[in-house]
Amino acid sequence: MAKVTFTPEAWEQAQELPRPIRARLVKLVERLEAWPNVSGAKPLRGDLAGQYRMRTGDYRVQFRVEGDRVIVVKVGHRDSFYED
């Protein structure tokens, strides 16, 4: 079992999501607790190498893994998700 934590920025982004999307995010975080036995996680490439993303509908969760911790770095809609 992995412990899932959020960066302050990701936590703020999650709080701004519509309520139904937040409910889906909670389910996704519960799935991440089973890391590395998680389906749907895709490794990112380029400047984001070493990080992963999962999706729920049109929303994405970007995270990295450090030992037995999964750290959610970013949460957002796919339209602007990969922009800095």
Protein backbone atom coordinates (compact mmCIF):
# COMPACT_ATOMS: atom_id res chain seq x y z
CA MET A 1 0.00 0.00 0.00
CA ALA A 2 1.24 3.45 -0.90
CA LYS A 3 0.45 6.65 0.92
CA VAL A 4 -1.04 9.27 -1.41
CA THR A 5 -0.31 12.94 -0.67
CA PHE A 6 -1.01 16.15 -2.56
CA THR A 7 1.26 19.12 -3.13
CA PRO A 8 -0.36 22.36 -1.93
CA GLU A 9 -0.93 23.42 -5.55
CA ALA A 10 -2.59 20.11 -6.46
CA TRP A 11 -4.79 20.28 -3.36
CA GLU A 12 -5.95 23.78 -4.36
CA GLN A 13 -6.63 22.62 -7.91
CA ALA A 14 -8.63 19.65 -6.61
CA GLN A 15 -10.77 21.88 -4.38
CA GLU A 16 -11.72 24.03 -7.38
CA LEU A 17 -13.11 21.07 -9.36
CA PRO A 18 -16.87 20.55 -9.70
CA ARG A 19 -18.29 18.27 -7.00
CA PRO A 20 -18.95 15.24 -9.29
CA ILE A 21 -15.37 15.40 -10.58
CA ARG A 22 -14.01 15.58 -7.02
CA ALA A 23 -15.94 12.41 -6.22
CA ARG A 24 -14.24 10.68 -9.16
CA LEU A 25 -10.90 12.04 -7.97
CA VAL A 26 -11.43 10.41 -4.57
CA LYS A 27 -11.95 7.04 -6.27
CA LEU A 28 -8.84 7.56 -8.36
CA VAL A 29 -6.78 8.36 -5.23
CA GLU A 30 -8.09 5.18 -3.60
CA ARG A 31 -6.85 3.26 -6.64
CA LEU A 32 -3.43 4.95 -6.37
CA GLU A 33 -3.07 3.60 -2.83
CA ALA A 34 -2.55 0.18 -4.44
CA TRP A 35 0.57 1.38 -6.30
CA PRO A 36 2.24 -0.29 -8.26
CA ASN A 37 -0.78 -2.53 -8.95
CA VAL A 38 -2.69 0.28 -10.66
CA SER A 39 -4.16 0.07 -14.12
CA GLY A 40 -4.43 3.13 -16.31
CA ALA A 41 -1.30 4.95 -15.11
CA LYS A 42 0.77 6.19 -18.02
CA PRO A 43 4.37 7.36 -17.74
CA LEU A 44 4.99 10.85 -19.07
CA ARG A 45 7.82 11.71 -21.44
CA GLY A 46 10.07 14.65 -22.22
CA ASP A 47 10.36 17.28 -19.50
CA LEU A 48 7.85 15.32 -17.38
CA ALA A 49 9.77 12.03 -17.50
CA GLY A 50 9.65 10.23 -14.16
CA GLN A 51 6.06 11.26 -13.57
CA TYR A 52 2.79 9.55 -14.41
CA ARG A 53 -0.75 10.54 -15.24
CA MET A 54 -4.14 8.98 -14.81
CA ARG A 55 -7.37 10.18 -16.25
CA THR A 56 -10.97 10.27 -15.23
CA GLY A 57 -13.13 11.51 -18.07
CA ASP A 58 -11.72 14.81 -19.33
CA TYR A 59 -9.67 15.37 -16.16
CA ARG A 60 -6.10 14.33 -15.47
CA VAL A 61 -4.04 13.67 -12.35
CA GLN A 62 -0.27 13.97 -12.61
CA PHE A 63 1.82 12.27 -9.94
CA ARG A 64 5.26 10.96 -9.08
CA VAL A 65 6.32 8.01 -6.97
CA GLU A 66 8.93 8.24 -4.22
CA GLY A 67 9.42 4.91 -2.49
CA ASP A 68 6.08 3.98 -0.94
CA ARG A 69 4.62 7.47 -1.43
CA VAL A 70 2.56 8.68 -4.37
CA ILE A 71 2.65 12.47 -4.62
CA VAL A 72 -0.08 14.15 -6.66
CA VAL A 73 1.52 17.12 -8.38
CA LYS A 74 -1.26 18.49 -10.59
CA VAL A 75 -4.99 18.06 -11.14
CA GLY A 76 -6.91 19.61 -14.00
CA HIS A 77 -8.89 19.52 -17.23
CA ARG A 78 -7.15 18.03 -20.24
CA ASP A 79 -7.42 21.26 -22.28
CA SER A 80 -4.74 23.05 -20.29
CA PHE A 81 -3.24 20.19 -18.30
CA TYR A 82 0.15 19.94 -19.99
CA GLU A 83 0.78 23.68 -20.23
CA ASP A 84 3.00 25.38 -17.66
